[in-house]
PDB file of N, CA and C in Angstrom:
ATOM      1  N   ILE A   1     108.757  67.672  86.763  1.00  0.00           N
ATOM      2  CA  ILE A   1     107.694  67.532  87.675  1.00  0.00           C
ATOM      3  C   ILE A   1     107.578  66.149  87.820  1.00  0.00           C
ATOM      4  N   SER A   2     107.149  65.241  86.801  1.00  0.00           N
ATOM      5  CA  SER A   2     106.550  63.970  86.949  1.00  0.00           C
ATOM      6  C   SER A   2     107.692  63.053  87.439  1.00  0.00           C
ATOM      7  N   LYS A   3     109.001  63.475  87.631  1.00  0.00           N
ATOM      8  CA  LYS A   3     109.895  62.576  88.275  1.00  0.00           C
ATOM      9  C   LYS A   3     109.954  62.921  89.856  1.00  0.00           C
ATOM     10  N   THR A   4     109.295  63.953  90.184  1.00  0.00           N
ATOM     11  CA  THR A   4     109.344  64.321  91.575  1.00  0.00           C
ATOM     12  C   THR A   4     108.026  63.652  92.488  1.00  0.00           C
ATOM     13  N   GLN A   5     108.002  63.756  93.535  1.00  0.00           N
ATOM     14  CA  GLN A   5     106.733  63.102  94.415  1.00  0.00           C
ATOM     15  C   GLN A   5     105.852  64.357  94.561  1.00  0.00           C
ATOM     16  N   PHE A   6     106.020  65.473  94.018  1.00  0.00           N
ATOM     17  CA  PHE A   6     105.096  66.631  94.027  1.00  0.00           C
ATOM     18  C   PHE A   6     103.677  66.354  93.416  1.00  0.00           C
ATOM     19  N   PRO A   7     102.483  66.305  94.132  1.00  0.00           N
ATOM     20  CA  PRO A   7     101.347  65.753  93.654  1.00  0.00           C
ATOM     21  C   PRO A   7     100.978  66.834  92.804  1.00  0.00           C
ATOM     22  N   PRO A   8     100.083  66.467  91.584  1.00  0.00           N
ATOM     23  CA  PRO A   8      99.744  67.375  90.614  1.00  0.00           C
ATOM     24  C   PRO A   8      98.340  68.064  91.158  1.00  0.00           C
ATOM     25  N   ILE A   9      97.682  67.553  92.086  1.00  0.00           N
ATOM     26  CA  ILE A   9      96.496  68.132  92.662  1.00  0.00           C
ATOM     27  C   ILE A   9      96.998  69.434  93.449  1.00  0.00           C
ATOM     28  N   ILE A  10      98.155  69.357  94.215  1.00  0.00           N
ATOM     29  CA  ILE A  10      98.657  70.469  94.901  1.00  0.00           C
ATOM     30  C   ILE A  10      99.096  71.623  93.919  1.00  0.00           C
ATOM     31  N   LEU A  11     100.037  71.193  92.891  1.00  0.00           N
ATOM     32  CA  LEU A  11     100.320  72.082  91.955  1.00  0.00           C
ATOM     33  C   LEU A  11      99.169  72.944  91.301  1.00  0.00           C
ATOM     34  N   ALA A  12      98.147  72.209  91.057  1.00  0.00           N
ATOM     35  CA  ALA A  12      97.000  72.887  90.379  1.00  0.00           C
ATOM     36  C   ALA A  12      96.483  73.874  91.177  1.00  0.00           C
ATOM     37  N   PHE A  13      96.146  73.614  92.416  1.00  0.00           N
ATOM     38  CA  PHE A  13      95.784  74.519  93.489  1.00  0.00           C
ATOM     39  C   PHE A  13      96.558  75.663  93.648  1.00  0.00           C
ATOM     40  N   ILE A  14      97.887  75.621  93.731  1.00  0.00           N
ATOM     41  CA  ILE A  14      98.796  76.628  94.002  1.00  0.00           C
ATOM     42  C   ILE A  14      98.851  77.494  92.646  1.00  0.00           C
ATOM     43  N   ILE A  15      98.679  76.982  91.540  1.00  0.00           N
ATOM     44  CA  ILE A  15      98.863  77.766  90.365  1.00  0.00           C
ATOM     45  C   ILE A  15      97.448  78.591  90.145  1.00  0.00           C
ATOM     46  N   ALA A  16      96.320  78.021  90.453  1.00  0.00           N
ATOM     47  CA  ALA A  16      95.105  78.627  90.338  1.00  0.00           C
ATOM     48  C   ALA A  16      95.019  79.702  91.535  1.00  0.00           C
ATOM     49  N   ALA A  17      95.564  79.478  92.630  1.00  0.00           N
ATOM     50  CA  ALA A  17      95.361  80.484  93.920  1.00  0.00           C
ATOM     51  C   ALA A  17      96.252  81.681  93.577  1.00  0.00           C
ATOM     52  N   ALA A  18      97.515  81.460  93.046  1.00  0.00           N
ATOM     53  CA  ALA A  18      98.495  82.498  92.833  1.00  0.00           C
ATOM     54  C   ALA A  18      97.953  83.290  91.567  1.00  0.00           C
ATOM     55  N   VAL A  19      97.322  82.911  90.611  1.00  0.00           N
ATOM     56  CA  VAL A  19      96.661  83.469  89.535  1.00  0.00           C
ATOM     57  C   VAL A  19      95.611  84.567  89.985  1.00  0.00           C
ATOM     58  N   ARG A  20      94.708  83.896  90.910  1.00  0.00           N
ATOM     59  CA  ARG A  20      93.511  84.484  91.451  1.00  0.00           C
ATOM     60  C   ARG A  20      93.975  85.721  92.261  1.00  0.00           C
ATOM     61  N   ILE A  21      95.036  85.471  93.305  1.00  0.00           N
ATOM     62  CA  ILE A  21      95.392  86.403  94.082  1.00  0.00           C
ATOM     63  C   ILE A  21      96.081  87.618  93.415  1.00  0.00           C
ATOM     64  N   ILE A  22      96.799  87.362  92.448  1.00  0.00           N
ATOM     65  CA  ILE A  22      97.715  88.522  91.683  1.00  0.00           C
ATOM     66  C   ILE A  22      96.533  89.191  90.824  1.00  0.00           C
ATOM     67  N   LEU A  23      95.710  88.476  90.171  1.00  0.00           N
ATOM     68  CA  LEU A  23      94.848  89.132  89.150  1.00  0.00           C
ATOM     69  C   LEU A  23      93.325  89.444  89.582  1.00  0.00           C
ATOM     70  N   GLY A  24      92.929  88.803  90.562  1.00  0.00           N
ATOM     71  CA  GLY A  24      91.553  88.905  90.815  1.00  0.00           C
ATOM     72  C   GLY A  24      90.464  88.073  90.131  1.00  0.00           C
ATOM     73  N   SER A  25      90.698  87.662  88.982  1.00  0.00           N
ATOM     74  CA  SER A  25      89.539  87.112  88.314  1.00  0.00           C
ATOM     75  C   SER A  25      89.535  85.635  88.381  1.00  0.00           C
ATOM     76  N   ALA A  26      88.548  85.027  88.955  1.00  0.00           N
ATOM     77  CA  ALA A  26      88.305  83.743  89.109  1.00  0.00           C
ATOM     78  C   ALA A  26      88.378  82.887  87.706  1.00  0.00           C
ATOM     79  N   THR A  27      87.742  83.458  86.703  1.00  0.00           N
ATOM     80  CA  THR A  27      87.643  82.889  85.220  1.00  0.00           C
ATOM     81  C   THR A  27      89.055  82.692  84.782  1.00  0.00           C
ATOM     82  N   VAL A  28      89.740  83.930  84.881  1.00  0.00           N
ATOM     83  CA  VAL A  28      91.122  83.876  84.293  1.00  0.00           C
ATOM     84  C   VAL A  28      91.826  82.881  85.080  1.00  0.00           C
ATOM     85  N   SER A  29      91.870  82.717  86.259  1.00  0.00           N
ATOM     86  CA  SER A  29      92.578  81.863  87.202  1.00  0.00           C
ATOM     87  C   SER A  29      92.345  80.504  86.856  1.00  0.00           C
ATOM     88  N   MET A  30      91.179  80.089  86.626  1.00  0.00           N
ATOM     89  CA  MET A  30      90.794  78.670  86.163  1.00  0.00           C
ATOM     90  C   MET A  30      91.273  78.404  84.859  1.00  0.00           C
ATOM     91  N   ILE A  31      91.047  79.269  83.886  1.00  0.00           N
ATOM     92  CA  ILE A  31      91.441  78.976  82.436  1.00  0.00           C
ATOM     93  C   ILE A  31      93.243  78.812  82.535  1.00  0.00           C
ATOM     94  N   THR A  32      93.664  79.654  83.239  1.00  0.00           N
ATOM     95  CA  THR A  32      95.204  79.872  83.213  1.00  0.00           C
ATOM     96  C   THR A  32      95.676  78.458  83.657  1.00  0.00           C
ATOM     97  N   ALA A  33      95.294  78.262  84.897  1.00  0.00           N
ATOM     98  CA  ALA A  33      95.722  76.939  85.814  1.00  0.00           C
ATOM     99  C   ALA A  33      95.423  75.677  84.832  1.00  0.00           C
ATOM    100  N   ALA A  34      94.265  75.631  84.412  1.00  0.00           N
ATOM    101  CA  ALA A  34      94.030  74.463  83.347  1.00  0.00           C
ATOM    102  C   ALA A  34      94.949  74.391  82.255  1.00  0.00           C
ATOM    103  N   GLY A  35      95.291  75.583  81.652  1.00  0.00           N
ATOM    104  CA  GLY A  35      96.191  75.538  80.531  1.00  0.00           C
ATOM    105  C   GLY A  35      97.429  75.207  80.913  1.00  0.00           C
ATOM    106  N   ILE A  36      98.058  75.560  82.047  1.00  0.00           N
ATOM    107  CA  ILE A  36      99.322  75.041  82.436  1.00  0.00           C
ATOM    108  C   ILE A  36      99.445  73.671  82.974  1.00  0.00           C
ATOM    109  N   VAL A  37      98.340  73.323  83.845  1.00  0.00           N
ATOM    110  CA  VAL A  37      98.478  72.051  84.310  1.00  0.00           C
ATOM    111  C   VAL A  37      98.113  70.828  83.284  1.00  0.00           C
ATOM    112  N   GLY A  38      97.046  71.214  82.485  1.00  0.00           N
ATOM    113  CA  GLY A  38      96.628  70.062  81.640  1.00  0.00           C
ATOM    114  C   GLY A  38      97.787  69.300  80.771  1.00  0.00           C
ATOM    115  N   PRO A  39      98.713  69.987  80.202  1.00  0.00           N
ATOM    116  CA  PRO A  39      99.741  69.302  79.447  1.00  0.00           C
ATOM    117  C   PRO A  39     100.740  68.531  80.595  1.00  0.00           C
ATOM    118  N   ILE A  40     100.884  69.021  81.806  1.00  0.00           N
ATOM    119  CA  ILE A  40     101.726  68.400  82.748  1.00  0.00           C
ATOM    120  C   ILE A  40     101.112  67.025  83.154  1.00  0.00           C
ATOM    121  N   LEU A  41      99.708  66.905  83.180  1.00  0.00           N
ATOM    122  CA  LEU A  41      98.839  65.545  83.580  1.00  0.00           C
ATOM    123  C   LEU A  41      99.371  64.529  82.666  1.00  0.00           C
ATOM    124  N   ASP A  42      99.762  64.821  81.543  1.00  0.00           N
ATOM    125  CA  ASP A  42     100.029  63.706  80.474  1.00  0.00           C
ATOM    126  C   ASP A  42     101.079  62.801  81.001  1.00  0.00           C
ATOM    127  N   ALA A  43     102.143  63.423  81.930  1.00  0.00           N
ATOM    128  CA  ALA A  43     103.197  62.806  82.341  1.00  0.00           C
ATOM    129  C   ALA A  43     103.091  61.838  83.416  1.00  0.00           C
ATOM    130  N   TYR A  44     101.711  61.892  84.005  1.00  0.00           N
ATOM    131  CA  TYR A  44     101.209  61.128  85.096  1.00  0.00           C
ATOM    132  C   TYR A  44     100.247  60.035  84.516  1.00  0.00           C
ATOM    133  N   THR A  45     100.256  58.945  85.077  1.00  0.00           N
ATOM    134  CA  THR A  45      99.193  57.991  84.898  1.00  0.00           C
ATOM    135  C   THR A  45      98.036  58.223  86.027  1.00  0.00           C
ATOM    136  N   LEU A  46      96.952  58.883  85.649  1.00  0.00           N
ATOM    137  CA  LEU A  46      95.920  59.254  86.636  1.00  0.00           C
ATOM    138  C   LEU A  46      94.491  58.908  86.072  1.00  0.00           C
ATOM    139  N   SER A  47      93.795  58.395  87.059  1.00  0.00           N
ATOM    140  CA  SER A  47      92.370  57.849  86.653  1.00  0.00           C
ATOM    141  C   SER A  47      91.552  59.118  86.712  1.00  0.00           C
ATOM    142  N   ASP A  48      90.347  58.734  85.868  1.00  0.00           N
ATOM    143  CA  ASP A  48      89.442  59.778  85.726  1.00  0.00           C
ATOM    144  C   ASP A  48      88.907  60.623  86.891  1.00  0.00           C
ATOM    145  N   MET A  49      88.909  60.012  88.052  1.00  0.00           N
ATOM    146  CA  MET A  49      88.629  60.371  89.361  1.00  0.00           C
ATOM    147  C   MET A  49      89.721  61.273  89.923  1.00  0.00           C
ATOM    148  N   HIS A  50      90.901  61.121  89.904  1.00  0.00           N
ATOM    149  CA  HIS A  50      92.063  61.758  90.020  1.00  0.00           C
ATOM    150  C   HIS A  50      91.892  63.207  89.140  1.00  0.00           C
ATOM    151  N   ARG A  51      91.585  63.138  87.953  1.00  0.00           N
ATOM    152  CA  ARG A  51      91.551  64.257  86.967  1.00  0.00           C
ATOM    153  C   ARG A  51      90.355  65.119  87.473  1.00  0.00           C
ATOM    154  N   ALA A  52      89.163  64.472  87.884  1.00  0.00           N
ATOM    155  CA  ALA A  52      88.198  65.240  88.202  1.00  0.00           C
ATOM    156  C   ALA A  52      88.595  65.953  89.537  1.00  0.00           C
ATOM    157  N   LEU A  53      89.407  65.473  90.483  1.00  0.00           N
ATOM    158  CA  LEU A  53      89.630  65.917  91.736  1.00  0.00           C
ATOM    159  C   LEU A  53      90.691  67.238  91.577  1.00  0.00           C
ATOM    160  N   ILE A  54      91.441  67.073  90.496  1.00  0.00           N
ATOM    161  CA  ILE A  54      92.262  68.188  90.000  1.00  0.00           C
ATOM    162  C   ILE A  54      91.515  69.310  89.428  1.00  0.00           C
ATOM    163  N   VAL A  55      90.412  68.966  88.795  1.00  0.00           N
ATOM    164  CA  VAL A  55      89.613  70.185  88.437  1.00  0.00           C
ATOM    165  C   VAL A  55      89.001  71.000  89.550  1.00  0.00           C
ATOM    166  N   ILE A  56      88.669  70.012  90.707  1.00  0.00           N
ATOM    167  CA  ILE A  56      88.091  70.850  92.035  1.00  0.00           C
ATOM    168  C   ILE A  56      89.144  71.525  92.476  1.00  0.00           C
ATOM    169  N   SER A  57      90.255  71.057  92.413  1.00  0.00           N
ATOM    170  CA  SER A  57      91.604  71.741  93.019  1.00  0.00           C
ATOM    171  C   SER A  57      91.624  73.029  92.197  1.00  0.00           C
ATOM    172  N   ILE A  58      91.803  73.002  90.883  1.00  0.00           N
ATOM    173  CA  ILE A  58      91.780  74.410  90.436  1.00  0.00           C
ATOM    174  C   ILE A  58      90.628  75.277  90.557  1.00  0.00           C
ATOM    175  N   ALA A  59      89.339  74.852  90.683  1.00  0.00           N
ATOM    176  CA  ALA A  59      88.240  75.628  90.961  1.00  0.00           C
ATOM    177  C   ALA A  59      88.270  76.165  92.455  1.00  0.00           C
ATOM    178  N   SER A  60      89.009  75.455  93.317  1.00  0.00           N
ATOM    179  CA  SER A  60      89.222  76.077  94.656  1.00  0.00           C
ATOM    180  C   SER A  60      90.174  76.903  94.801  1.00  0.00           C
ATOM    181  N   GLY A  61      91.362  76.674  94.014  1.00  0.00           N
ATOM    182  CA  GLY A  61      92.249  77.901  94.008  1.00  0.00           C
ATOM    183  C   GLY A  61      91.783  79.059  93.367  1.00  0.00           C
ATOM    184  N   ALA A  62      90.910  79.008  92.480  1.00  0.00           N
ATOM    185  CA  ALA A  62      90.419  80.154  91.822  1.00  0.00           C
ATOM    186  C   ALA A  62      89.360  80.832  92.485  1.00  0.00           C
ATOM    187  N   THR A  63      88.902  80.341  93.593  1.00  0.00           N
ATOM    188  CA  THR A  63      87.891  80.774  94.505  1.00  0.00           C
ATOM    189  C   THR A  63      88.640  81.609  95.582  1.00  0.00           C
ATOM    190  N   ILE A  64      89.856  81.464  95.971  1.00  0.00           N
ATOM    191  CA  ILE A  64      90.359  81.841  97.074  1.00  0.00           C
ATOM    192  C   ILE A  64      90.613  83.402  97.084  1.00  0.00           C
ATOM    193  N   LEU A  65      90.490  84.018  98.132  1.00  0.00           N
ATOM    194  CA  LEU A  65      90.625  85.553  98.431  1.00  0.00           C
ATOM    195  C   LEU A  65      90.165  86.483  97.134  1.00  0.00           C
ATOM    196  N   SER A  66      88.860  86.366  97.098  1.00  0.00           N
ATOM    197  CA  SER A  66      88.295  87.491  96.330  1.00  0.00           C
ATOM    198  C   SER A  66      88.476  88.917  96.899  1.00  0.00           C
ATOM    199  N   HIS A  67      89.006  89.651  96.076  1.00  0.00           N
ATOM    200  CA  HIS A  67      89.202  91.142  96.393  1.00  0.00           C
ATOM    201  C   HIS A  67      88.698  92.042  95.346  1.00  0.00           C
ATOM    202  N   VAL A  68      89.310  93.421  95.306  1.00  0.00           N
ATOM    203  CA  VAL A  68      88.714  94.473  94.609  1.00  0.00           C
ATOM    204  C   VAL A  68      88.703  94.202  93.074  1.00  0.00           C
ATOM    205  N   ASN A  69      89.600  93.342  92.709  1.00  0.00           N
ATOM    206  CA  ASN A  69      89.872  93.110  91.188  1.00  0.00           C
ATOM    207  C   ASN A  69      88.706  92.204  90.736  1.00  0.00           C
ATOM    208  N   ASP A  70      87.903  91.665  91.628  1.00  0.00           N
ATOM    209  CA  ASP A  70      86.999  90.628  91.137  1.00  0.00           C
ATOM    210  C   ASP A  70      85.616  91.340  91.010  1.00  0.00           C
ATOM    211  N   SER A  71      84.957  91.044  90.017  1.00  0.00           N
ATOM    212  CA  SER A  71      83.702  91.550  89.802  1.00  0.00           C
ATOM    213  C   SER A  71      82.685  91.014  90.789  1.00  0.00           C
ATOM    214  N   GLY A  72      82.687  89.611  91.193  1.00  0.00           N
ATOM    215  CA  GLY A  72      82.009  89.258  92.296  1.00  0.00           C
ATOM    216  C   GLY A  72      81.884  89.924  93.481  1.00  0.00           C
ATOM    217  N   PHE A  73      83.213  90.319  93.894  1.00  0.00           N
ATOM    218  CA  PHE A  73      83.327  91.165  95.150  1.00  0.00           C
ATOM    219  C   PHE A  73      82.369  92.391  95.067  1.00  0.00           C
ATOM    220  N   TRP A  74      82.474  93.034  94.013  1.00  0.00           N
ATOM    221  CA  TRP A  74      81.612  94.404  93.821  1.00  0.00           C
ATOM    222  C   TRP A  74      80.197  93.907  93.760  1.00  0.00           C
ATOM    223  N   LEU A  75      79.876  92.950  92.968  1.00  0.00           N
ATOM    224  CA  LEU A  75      78.431  92.446  92.999  1.00  0.00           C
ATOM    225  C   LEU A  75      77.820  92.394  94.393  1.00  0.00           C
ATOM    226  N   VAL A  76      78.515  91.547  95.063  1.00  0.00           N
ATOM    227  CA  VAL A  76      78.119  91.135  96.461  1.00  0.00           C
ATOM    228  C   VAL A  76      78.088  92.313  97.310  1.00  0.00           C
ATOM    229  N   GLY A  77      79.178  92.952  97.303  1.00  0.00           N
ATOM    230  CA  GLY A  77      79.268  94.328  98.126  1.00  0.00           C
ATOM    231  C   GLY A  77      78.129  95.293  98.011  1.00  0.00           C
ATOM    232  N   LYS A  78      77.965  95.668  96.692  1.00  0.00           N
ATOM    233  CA  LYS A  78      77.040  96.648  96.339  1.00  0.00           C
ATOM    234  C   LYS A  78      75.467  96.226  96.524  1.00  0.00           C
ATOM    235  N   TYR A  79      75.326  94.840  96.164  1.00  0.00           N
ATOM    236  CA  TYR A  79      73.895  94.481  96.400  1.00  0.00           C
ATOM    237  C   TYR A  79      73.453  94.301  97.712  1.00  0.00           C
ATOM    238  N   LEU A  80      74.491  94.094  98.801  1.00  0.00           N
ATOM    239  CA  LEU A  80      74.125  93.926 100.030  1.00  0.00           C
ATOM    240  C   LEU A  80      74.252  95.263 100.815  1.00  0.00           C
ATOM    241  N   GLY A  81      74.713  96.279 100.103  1.00  0.00           N
ATOM    242  CA  GLY A  81      74.978  97.602 100.667  1.00  0.00           C
ATOM    243  C   GLY A  81      76.204  97.459 101.610  1.00  0.00           C
ATOM    244  N   LEU A  82      77.248  96.726 101.327  1.00  0.00           N
ATOM    245  CA  LEU A  82      78.333  96.761 102.358  1.00  0.00           C
ATOM    246  C   LEU A  82      79.410  97.619 101.884  1.00  0.00           C
ATOM    247  N   THR A  83      80.203  98.099 102.748  1.00  0.00           N
ATOM    248  CA  THR A  83      81.631  98.975 102.329  1.00  0.00           C
ATOM    249  C   THR A  83      82.622  97.849 101.794  1.00  0.00           C
ATOM    250  N   GLU A  84      83.597  98.525 101.296  1.00  0.00           N
ATOM    251  CA  GLU A  84      84.763  97.578 100.862  1.00  0.00           C
ATOM    252  C   GLU A  84      85.296  96.757 102.030  1.00  0.00           C
ATOM    253  N   VAL A  85      85.399  97.586 103.087  1.00  0.00           N
ATOM    254  CA  VAL A  85      86.087  96.842 104.373  1.00  0.00           C
ATOM    255  C   VAL A  85      85.153  95.652 104.759  1.00  0.00           C
ATOM    256  N   GLN A  86      83.635  96.042 104.757  1.00  0.00           N
ATOM    257  CA  GLN A  86      82.856  94.933 105.143  1.00  0.00           C
ATOM    258  C   GLN A  86      82.794  93.846 104.212  1.00  0.00           C
ATOM    259  N   THR A  87      82.879  93.902 102.873  1.00  0.00           N
ATOM    260  CA  THR A  87      82.795  92.852 101.894  1.00  0.00           C
ATOM    261  C   THR A  87      84.126  92.138 102.093  1.00  0.00           C
ATOM    262  N   LEU A  88      85.434  92.651 102.308  1.00  0.00           N
ATOM    263  CA  LEU A  88      86.447  92.017 102.454  1.00  0.00           C
ATOM    264  C   LEU A  88      86.369  91.122 103.770  1.00  0.00           C
ATOM    265  N   LYS A  89      85.758  91.613 104.958  1.00  0.00           N
ATOM    266  CA  LYS A  89      85.582  90.756 106.126  1.00  0.00           C
ATOM    267  C   LYS A  89      84.617  89.805 105.953  1.00  0.00           C
ATOM    268  N   SER A  90      83.626  89.864 104.939  1.00  0.00           N
ATOM    269  CA  SER A  90      82.656  88.878 104.957  1.00  0.00           C
ATOM    270  C   SER A  90      82.761  87.947 103.688  1.00  0.00           C
ATOM    271  N   TRP A  91      82.645  88.616 102.540  1.00  0.00           N
ATOM    272  CA  TRP A  91      82.754  87.868 101.239  1.00  0.00           C
ATOM    273  C   TRP A  91      84.038  87.229 101.124  1.00  0.00           C
ATOM    274  N   THR A  92      85.162  87.988 101.357  1.00  0.00           N
ATOM    275  CA  THR A  92      86.600  87.354 100.856  1.00  0.00           C
ATOM    276  C   THR A  92      87.000  86.216 102.051  1.00  0.00           C
ATOM    277  N   VAL A  93      86.366  86.513 103.148  1.00  0.00           N
ATOM    278  CA  VAL A  93      86.898  85.433 104.279  1.00  0.00           C
ATOM    279  C   VAL A  93      85.823  84.199 103.919  1.00  0.00           C
ATOM    280  N   MET A  94      84.615  84.199 103.340  1.00  0.00           N
ATOM    281  CA  MET A  94      83.855  83.241 103.042  1.00  0.00           C
ATOM    282  C   MET A  94      84.192  82.530 101.790  1.00  0.00           C
ATOM    283  N   GLU A  95      84.658  83.192 100.857  1.00  0.00           N
ATOM    284  CA  GLU A  95      85.328  82.689  99.834  1.00  0.00           C
ATOM    285  C   GLU A  95      86.474  81.880  99.970  1.00  0.00           C
ATOM    286  N   THR A  96      87.276  82.381 100.898  1.00  0.00           N
ATOM    287  CA  THR A  96      88.578  81.622 101.243  1.00  0.00           C
ATOM    288  C   THR A  96      88.266  80.364 101.941  1.00  0.00           C
ATOM    289  N   ILE A  97      87.343  80.409 102.830  1.00  0.00           N
ATOM    290  CA  ILE A  97      86.795  79.125 103.722  1.00  0.00           C
ATOM    291  C   ILE A  97      86.376  78.211 102.618  1.00  0.00           C
ATOM    292  N   ILE A  98      85.662  78.553 101.621  1.00  0.00           N
ATOM    293  CA  ILE A  98      84.945  77.625 100.555  1.00  0.00           C
ATOM    294  C   ILE A  98      86.194  77.011  99.947  1.00  0.00           C
ATOM    295  N   ALA A  99      87.112  77.858  99.304  1.00  0.00           N
ATOM    296  CA  ALA A  99      88.242  77.479  98.479  1.00  0.00           C
ATOM    297  C   ALA A  99      89.139  76.505  99.289  1.00  0.00           C
ATOM    298  N   LEU A 100      89.485  76.587 100.557  1.00  0.00           N
ATOM    299  CA  LEU A 100      90.404  75.676 101.555  1.00  0.00           C
ATOM    300  C   LEU A 100      89.625  74.616 101.597  1.00  0.00           C
ATOM    301  N   GLY A 101      88.155  74.580 102.049  1.00  0.00           N
ATOM    302  CA  GLY A 101      87.323  73.412 102.326  1.00  0.00           C
ATOM    303  C   GLY A 101      87.360  72.420 101.056  1.00  0.00           C
ATOM    304  N   GLY A 102      87.065  73.127  99.853  1.00  0.00           N
ATOM    305  CA  GLY A 102      87.112  72.493  98.492  1.00  0.00           C
ATOM    306  C   GLY A 102      88.385  71.785  98.417  1.00  0.00           C
ATOM    307  N   PHE A 103      89.323  72.449  98.461  1.00  0.00           N
ATOM    308  CA  PHE A 103      90.808  71.882  98.303  1.00  0.00           C
ATOM    309  C   PHE A 103      91.113  70.775  99.361  1.00  0.00           C
ATOM    310  N   GLY A 104      90.665  70.895 100.482  1.00  0.00           N
ATOM    311  CA  GLY A 104      90.978  69.900 101.342  1.00  0.00           C
ATOM    312  C   GLY A 104      90.177  68.646 101.208  1.00  0.00           C
ATOM    313  N   PHE A 105      88.947  68.862 100.669  1.00  0.00           N
ATOM    314  CA  PHE A 105      88.125  67.630 100.243  1.00  0.00           C
ATOM    315  C   PHE A 105      88.813  66.870  99.236  1.00  0.00           C
ATOM    316  N   ALA A 106      89.138  67.727  97.983  1.00  0.00           N
ATOM    317  CA  ALA A 106      89.775  67.047  96.976  1.00  0.00           C
ATOM    318  C   ALA A 106      91.173  66.255  97.361  1.00  0.00           C
ATOM    319  N   LEU A 107      91.959  67.064  98.254  1.00  0.00           N
ATOM    320  CA  LEU A 107      93.187  66.255  98.653  1.00  0.00           C
ATOM    321  C   LEU A 107      92.950  65.120  99.323  1.00  0.00           C
ATOM    322  N   LEU A 108      92.114  65.102 100.393  1.00  0.00           N
ATOM    323  CA  LEU A 108      91.789  64.161 101.308  1.00  0.00           C
ATOM    324  C   LEU A 108      91.070  62.877 100.363  1.00  0.00           C
ATOM    325  N   PHE A 109      90.100  63.222  99.382  1.00  0.00           N
ATOM    326  CA  PHE A 109      89.559  62.210  98.654  1.00  0.00           C
ATOM    327  C   PHE A 109      90.538  61.688  97.771  1.00  0.00           C
ATOM    328  N   SER A 110      91.506  62.311  97.346  1.00  0.00           N
ATOM    329  CA  SER A 110      92.635  61.827  96.306  1.00  0.00           C
ATOM    330  C   SER A 110      93.339  60.631  96.970  1.00  0.00           C
ATOM    331  N   LEU A 111      93.387  60.645  98.388  1.00  0.00           N
ATOM    332  CA  LEU A 111      94.146  59.687  98.995  1.00  0.00           C
ATOM    333  C   LEU A 111      93.488  58.045  99.003  1.00  0.00           C
ATOM    334  N   PHE A 112      92.184  58.250  98.699  1.00  0.00           N
ATOM    335  CA  PHE A 112      91.267  57.068  98.774  1.00  0.00           C
ATOM    336  C   PHE A 112      90.897  56.539  97.457  1.00  0.00           C
ATOM    337  N   VAL A 113      91.268  57.245  96.388  1.00  0.00           N
ATOM    338  CA  VAL A 113      90.760  56.724  95.006  1.00  0.00           C
ATOM    339  C   VAL A 113      91.879  56.312  94.314  1.00  0.00           C
TER     340      VAL A 113
END
């Protein structure tokens, strides 16, 4: 990977998002993505700021598409008295907007540091 032009910030987001979507757990997604991406970063010369933006990218990927396998999905849905469909239409959409916004910020900011 280090010989390619593929940015590690995008790889970090994709791995975290994939694990999140498959398993549903944000915590497992962050830990897994960090464990996979961490050793890869040694192949790059990155500033502390770039490493921090990769952390934001992982956190953003781990936030995307909250669904029924996520404890937060159930906490929010039950606390607010929402049905599963209502929770998917509100909480899941909001989490996805937050995730894409965070990733967009990290990606954009990485171009300037």
